[in-house]
């Protein structure tokens, strides 16, 4: 009978060990799934943050492009004004020179 009792005790111990291993396996599987879910949430949050940063960066780049465009337009406008003033100054200088030459001619005759 002791042999039967020993076999029964061994069988019960194996059954108990098998049950504990199943519980450990289920616990580890649940923990791994929780870690995977956490990693996916973290990756999603990181992607969202990167998209927001990219959007803000593109807005800043667009704003800078607008500012550069405005500065270039102002520069062209100033260049046109300088050219007009230069042409006007040249015209006035030419008129003064022509009048001076005519006055000198009249005084010589």
N, C-alpha and C. Protein backbone atom coordinates (compact mmCIF):
# COMPACT_ATOMS: atom_id res chain seq x y z
N UNK A 1 0.79 -1.18 0.00
CA UNK A 1 0.00 0.00 0.00
C UNK A 1 0.84 1.25 0.00
N UNK A 2 1.96 1.18 0.59
CA UNK A 2 2.81 2.35 0.64
C UNK A 2 3.29 2.73 -0.75
N UNK A 3 3.42 1.72 -1.59
CA UNK A 3 3.84 2.04 -2.95
C UNK A 3 2.71 2.78 -3.67
N UNK A 4 1.49 2.36 -3.45
CA UNK A 4 0.33 3.04 -4.03
C UNK A 4 0.21 4.44 -3.45
N UNK A 5 0.46 4.56 -2.15
CA UNK A 5 0.41 5.88 -1.50
C UNK A 5 1.50 6.79 -2.05
N UNK A 6 2.69 6.20 -2.29
CA UNK A 6 3.79 7.00 -2.85
C UNK A 6 3.46 7.45 -4.26
N UNK A 7 2.90 6.53 -5.05
CA UNK A 7 2.53 6.90 -6.43
C UNK A 7 1.44 7.97 -6.42
N UNK A 8 0.51 7.83 -5.52
CA UNK A 8 -0.57 8.81 -5.40
C UNK A 8 0.00 10.16 -4.98
N UNK A 9 0.91 10.13 -4.01
CA UNK A 9 1.53 11.38 -3.53
C UNK A 9 2.33 12.04 -4.64
N UNK A 10 3.06 11.21 -5.40
CA UNK A 10 3.85 11.74 -6.53
C UNK A 10 2.91 12.31 -7.58
N UNK A 11 1.84 11.60 -7.89
CA UNK A 11 0.88 12.07 -8.88
C UNK A 11 0.23 13.38 -8.43
N UNK A 12 -0.12 13.44 -7.13
CA UNK A 12 -0.70 14.68 -6.61
C UNK A 12 0.32 15.83 -6.67
N UNK A 13 1.56 15.53 -6.32
CA UNK A 13 2.61 16.56 -6.36
C UNK A 13 2.83 17.04 -7.79
N UNK A 14 2.85 16.07 -8.73
CA UNK A 14 3.00 16.46 -10.14
C UNK A 14 1.81 17.28 -10.61
N UNK A 15 0.63 16.91 -10.23
CA UNK A 15 -0.57 17.67 -10.59
C UNK A 15 -0.53 19.07 -10.01
N UNK A 16 -0.10 19.16 -8.75
CA UNK A 16 0.00 20.47 -8.09
C UNK A 16 1.07 21.32 -8.78
N UNK A 17 2.22 20.68 -9.10
CA UNK A 17 3.30 21.40 -9.79
C UNK A 17 2.84 21.86 -11.17
N UNK A 18 2.13 20.98 -11.86
CA UNK A 18 1.61 21.34 -13.18
C UNK A 18 0.63 22.51 -13.07
N UNK A 19 -0.21 22.50 -12.09
CA UNK A 19 -1.15 23.60 -11.87
C UNK A 19 -0.42 24.90 -11.56
N UNK A 20 0.60 24.82 -10.71
CA UNK A 20 1.38 26.02 -10.38
C UNK A 20 2.11 26.55 -11.60
N UNK A 21 2.64 25.62 -12.42
CA UNK A 21 3.31 26.05 -13.66
C UNK A 21 2.33 26.73 -14.60
N UNK A 22 1.09 26.21 -14.67
CA UNK A 22 0.08 26.85 -15.53
C UNK A 22 -0.23 28.26 -15.03
N UNK A 23 -0.37 28.39 -13.70
CA UNK A 23 -0.65 29.71 -13.13
C UNK A 23 0.51 30.66 -13.41
N UNK A 24 1.76 30.17 -13.22
CA UNK A 24 2.94 31.02 -13.51
C UNK A 24 2.96 31.41 -14.99
N UNK A 25 2.67 30.42 -15.86
CA UNK A 25 2.68 30.70 -17.30
C UNK A 25 1.61 31.73 -17.65
N UNK A 26 0.42 31.59 -17.08
CA UNK A 26 -0.66 32.54 -17.34
C UNK A 26 -0.28 33.93 -16.81
N UNK A 27 0.33 33.97 -15.64
CA UNK A 27 0.75 35.26 -15.07
C UNK A 27 1.80 35.92 -15.94
N UNK A 28 2.79 35.12 -16.38
CA UNK A 28 3.84 35.67 -17.25
C UNK A 28 3.25 36.13 -18.58
N UNK A 29 2.35 35.34 -19.14
CA UNK A 29 1.72 35.71 -20.41
C UNK A 29 0.94 37.01 -20.26
N UNK A 30 0.21 37.15 -19.17
CA UNK A 30 -0.55 38.38 -18.92
C UNK A 30 0.39 39.56 -18.74
N UNK A 31 1.50 39.34 -18.01
CA UNK A 31 2.47 40.43 -17.82
C UNK A 31 3.10 40.84 -19.15
N UNK A 32 3.43 39.86 -19.98
CA UNK A 32 4.02 40.16 -21.29
C UNK A 32 3.03 40.93 -22.15
N UNK A 33 1.77 40.52 -22.14
CA UNK A 33 0.75 41.24 -22.91
C UNK A 33 0.58 42.67 -22.40
N UNK A 34 0.64 42.84 -21.08
CA UNK A 34 0.53 44.19 -20.51
C UNK A 34 1.71 45.05 -20.95
N UNK A 35 2.90 44.45 -20.97
CA UNK A 35 4.10 45.19 -21.40
C UNK A 35 3.97 45.55 -22.88
N UNK A 36 3.49 44.61 -23.69
CA UNK A 36 3.30 44.90 -25.13
C UNK A 36 2.31 46.04 -25.32
N UNK A 37 1.22 46.00 -24.57
CA UNK A 37 0.22 47.07 -24.68
C UNK A 37 0.82 48.41 -24.27
N UNK A 38 1.62 48.40 -23.19
CA UNK A 38 2.28 49.63 -22.75
C UNK A 38 3.23 50.15 -23.82
N UNK A 39 3.98 49.24 -24.44
CA UNK A 39 4.91 49.64 -25.51
C UNK A 39 4.15 50.23 -26.69
N UNK A 40 3.04 49.60 -27.06
CA UNK A 40 2.24 50.13 -28.19
C UNK A 40 1.70 51.52 -27.86
N UNK A 41 1.20 51.71 -26.63
CA UNK A 41 0.70 53.04 -26.24
C UNK A 41 1.84 54.06 -26.25
N UNK A 42 3.00 53.64 -25.77
CA UNK A 42 4.15 54.54 -25.74
C UNK A 42 4.57 54.91 -27.16
N UNK A 43 4.60 53.92 -28.05
CA UNK A 43 4.96 54.18 -29.45
C UNK A 43 3.95 55.11 -30.11
N UNK A 44 2.67 54.87 -29.85
CA UNK A 44 1.62 55.74 -30.41
C UNK A 44 1.76 57.16 -29.90
N UNK A 45 2.02 57.30 -28.59
CA UNK A 45 2.19 58.64 -28.01
C UNK A 45 3.41 59.32 -28.60
N UNK A 46 4.49 58.57 -28.79
CA UNK A 46 5.71 59.13 -29.37
C UNK A 46 5.46 59.58 -30.81
N UNK A 47 4.74 58.74 -31.57
CA UNK A 47 4.42 59.13 -32.96
C UNK A 47 3.58 60.41 -32.99
N UNK A 48 2.62 60.50 -32.08
CA UNK A 48 1.76 61.69 -32.02
C UNK A 48 2.59 62.92 -31.66
N UNK A 49 3.49 62.78 -30.70
CA UNK A 49 4.34 63.91 -30.30
C UNK A 49 5.23 64.32 -31.47
N UNK A 50 5.79 63.35 -32.18
CA UNK A 50 6.65 63.66 -33.33
C UNK A 50 5.84 64.38 -34.42
N UNK A 51 4.62 63.93 -34.65
CA UNK A 51 3.77 64.57 -35.66
C UNK A 51 3.45 66.01 -35.25
N UNK A 52 3.17 66.23 -33.97
CA UNK A 52 2.89 67.58 -33.50
C UNK A 52 4.13 68.46 -33.63
N UNK A 53 5.29 67.92 -33.27
CA UNK A 53 6.54 68.70 -33.39
C UNK A 53 6.82 69.03 -34.84
N UNK A 54 6.61 68.06 -35.73
CA UNK A 54 6.82 68.30 -37.16
C UNK A 54 5.87 69.38 -37.67
N UNK A 55 4.62 69.33 -37.21
CA UNK A 55 3.65 70.33 -37.62
C UNK A 55 4.06 71.72 -37.16
N UNK A 56 4.49 71.83 -35.89
CA UNK A 56 4.93 73.14 -35.38
C UNK A 56 6.17 73.62 -36.13
N UNK A 57 7.09 72.71 -36.42
CA UNK A 57 8.30 73.08 -37.15
C UNK A 57 7.95 73.57 -38.55
N UNK A 58 7.04 72.87 -39.23
CA UNK A 58 6.64 73.29 -40.57
C UNK A 58 5.96 74.66 -40.53
N UNK A 59 5.18 74.93 -39.48
CA UNK A 59 4.54 76.23 -39.34
C UNK A 59 5.61 77.32 -39.18
N UNK A 60 6.62 77.03 -38.36
CA UNK A 60 7.70 78.01 -38.19
C UNK A 60 8.45 78.23 -39.50
N UNK A 61 8.70 77.16 -40.23
CA UNK A 61 9.39 77.29 -41.51
C UNK A 61 8.55 78.11 -42.48
N UNK A 62 7.24 77.84 -42.52
CA UNK A 62 6.35 78.62 -43.40
C UNK A 62 6.35 80.09 -42.99
N UNK A 63 6.30 80.35 -41.68
CA UNK A 63 6.33 81.74 -41.19
C UNK A 63 7.62 82.42 -41.61
N UNK A 64 8.73 81.70 -41.49
CA UNK A 64 10.03 82.28 -41.87
C UNK A 64 10.05 82.55 -43.37
N UNK A 65 9.47 81.63 -44.15
CA UNK A 65 9.41 81.84 -45.60
C UNK A 65 8.60 83.08 -45.94
N UNK A 66 7.51 83.29 -45.21
CA UNK A 66 6.69 84.49 -45.44
C UNK A 66 7.48 85.74 -45.10
N UNK A 67 8.21 85.68 -43.98
CA UNK A 67 9.01 86.84 -43.57
C UNK A 67 10.09 87.14 -44.60
N UNK A 68 10.75 86.10 -45.08
CA UNK A 68 11.80 86.30 -46.09
C UNK A 68 11.18 86.88 -47.36
N UNK A 69 10.02 86.37 -47.74
CA UNK A 69 9.33 86.91 -48.93
C UNK A 69 9.01 88.39 -48.76
N UNK A 70 8.53 88.76 -47.56
CA UNK A 70 8.21 90.17 -47.30
C UNK A 70 9.47 91.02 -47.34
N UNK A 71 10.56 90.51 -46.77
CA UNK A 71 11.82 91.26 -46.80
C UNK A 71 12.34 91.42 -48.23
N UNK A 72 12.22 90.36 -49.02
CA UNK A 72 12.66 90.45 -50.42
C UNK A 72 11.82 91.46 -51.19
N UNK A 73 10.52 91.48 -50.93
CA UNK A 73 9.64 92.44 -51.60
C UNK A 73 10.01 93.86 -51.20
N UNK A 74 10.27 94.06 -49.90
CA UNK A 74 10.68 95.39 -49.42
C UNK A 74 12.00 95.79 -50.06
N UNK A 75 12.92 94.84 -50.19
CA UNK A 75 14.22 95.12 -50.80
C UNK A 75 14.04 95.53 -52.26
N UNK A 76 13.18 94.82 -52.98
CA UNK A 76 12.92 95.17 -54.39
C UNK A 76 12.29 96.55 -54.48
N UNK A 77 11.37 96.84 -53.58
CA UNK A 77 10.71 98.15 -53.57
C UNK A 77 11.73 99.25 -53.32
N UNK A 78 12.63 99.01 -52.39
CA UNK A 78 13.68 100.01 -52.11
C UNK A 78 14.60 100.17 -53.30
N UNK A 79 14.92 99.07 -53.98
CA UNK A 79 15.78 99.16 -55.16
C UNK A 79 15.10 99.98 -56.25
N UNK A 80 13.79 99.80 -56.42
CA UNK A 80 13.04 100.58 -57.42
C UNK A 80 13.04 102.06 -57.03
N UNK A 81 12.81 102.33 -55.73
CA UNK A 81 12.82 103.72 -55.27
C UNK A 81 14.18 104.37 -55.49
N UNK A 82 15.25 103.63 -55.19
CA UNK A 82 16.61 104.17 -55.39
C UNK A 82 16.85 104.43 -56.87
N UNK A 83 16.41 103.50 -57.73
CA UNK A 83 16.58 103.69 -59.17
C UNK A 83 15.82 104.91 -59.66
N UNK A 84 14.58 105.08 -59.16
CA UNK A 84 13.78 106.25 -59.56
C UNK A 84 14.46 107.53 -59.09
N UNK A 85 14.91 107.53 -57.83
CA UNK A 85 15.58 108.73 -57.32
C UNK A 85 16.87 109.00 -58.08
N UNK A 86 17.59 107.93 -58.44
CA UNK A 86 18.82 108.11 -59.22
C UNK A 86 18.51 108.69 -60.59
N UNK A 87 17.45 108.19 -61.22
CA UNK A 87 17.07 108.69 -62.55
C UNK A 87 16.63 110.15 -62.45
N UNK A 88 15.85 110.46 -61.40
CA UNK A 88 15.40 111.83 -61.20
C UNK A 88 16.60 112.75 -60.95
N UNK A 89 17.54 112.26 -60.11
CA UNK A 89 18.74 113.05 -59.84
C UNK A 89 19.55 113.27 -61.10
N UNK A 90 19.64 112.24 -61.94
CA UNK A 90 20.36 112.37 -63.21
C UNK A 90 19.68 113.36 -64.13
N UNK A 91 18.34 113.33 -64.15
CA UNK A 91 17.58 114.25 -64.98
C UNK A 91 17.81 115.69 -64.52
N UNK A 92 17.69 115.90 -63.19
CA UNK A 92 17.89 117.24 -62.65
C UNK A 92 19.32 117.72 -62.94
N UNK A 93 20.28 116.82 -62.75
CA UNK A 93 21.68 117.17 -63.02
C UNK A 93 21.88 117.52 -64.50
N UNK A 94 21.23 116.76 -65.37
CA UNK A 94 21.33 117.04 -66.81
C UNK A 94 20.72 118.39 -67.16
N UNK A 95 19.57 118.68 -66.55
CA UNK A 95 18.91 119.96 -66.82
C UNK A 95 19.78 121.10 -66.32
N UNK A 96 20.33 120.97 -65.10
CA UNK A 96 21.19 122.02 -64.54
C UNK A 96 22.41 122.21 -65.43
N UNK A 97 22.99 121.13 -65.89
CA UNK A 97 24.16 121.22 -66.77
C UNK A 97 23.80 121.91 -68.08
N UNK A 98 22.67 121.54 -68.67
CA UNK A 98 22.26 122.15 -69.93
C UNK A 98 21.98 123.64 -69.75
N UNK A 99 21.31 124.01 -68.64
CA UNK A 99 21.02 125.42 -68.38
C UNK A 99 22.32 126.19 -68.17
N UNK A 100 23.25 125.60 -67.42
CA UNK A 100 24.53 126.26 -67.16
C UNK A 100 25.29 126.49 -68.46
N UNK A 101 25.28 125.49 -69.33
CA UNK A 101 25.98 125.63 -70.61
C UNK A 101 25.33 126.73 -71.44
N UNK A 102 24.01 126.79 -71.45
CA UNK A 102 23.32 127.83 -72.22
C UNK A 102 23.61 129.20 -71.65
N UNK A 103 23.67 129.31 -70.31
CA UNK A 103 23.98 130.60 -69.70
C UNK A 103 25.40 131.02 -70.05
N UNK A 104 26.32 130.08 -70.03
CA UNK A 104 27.72 130.40 -70.36
C UNK A 104 27.81 130.82 -71.82
N UNK A 105 27.07 130.14 -72.72
CA UNK A 105 27.07 130.48 -74.13
C UNK A 105 26.55 131.90 -74.34
N UNK A 106 25.51 132.26 -73.64
CA UNK A 106 24.90 133.58 -73.79
C UNK A 106 25.83 134.68 -73.27
N UNK A 107 26.54 134.36 -72.22
CA UNK A 107 27.44 135.37 -71.67
C UNK A 107 28.64 135.55 -72.59
N UNK A 108 29.02 134.58 -73.32
CA UNK A 108 30.15 134.70 -74.20
C UNK A 108 29.78 135.44 -75.49
N UNK A 109 28.57 135.47 -75.86
CA UNK A 109 28.18 136.14 -77.11
C UNK A 109 27.79 137.51 -76.86
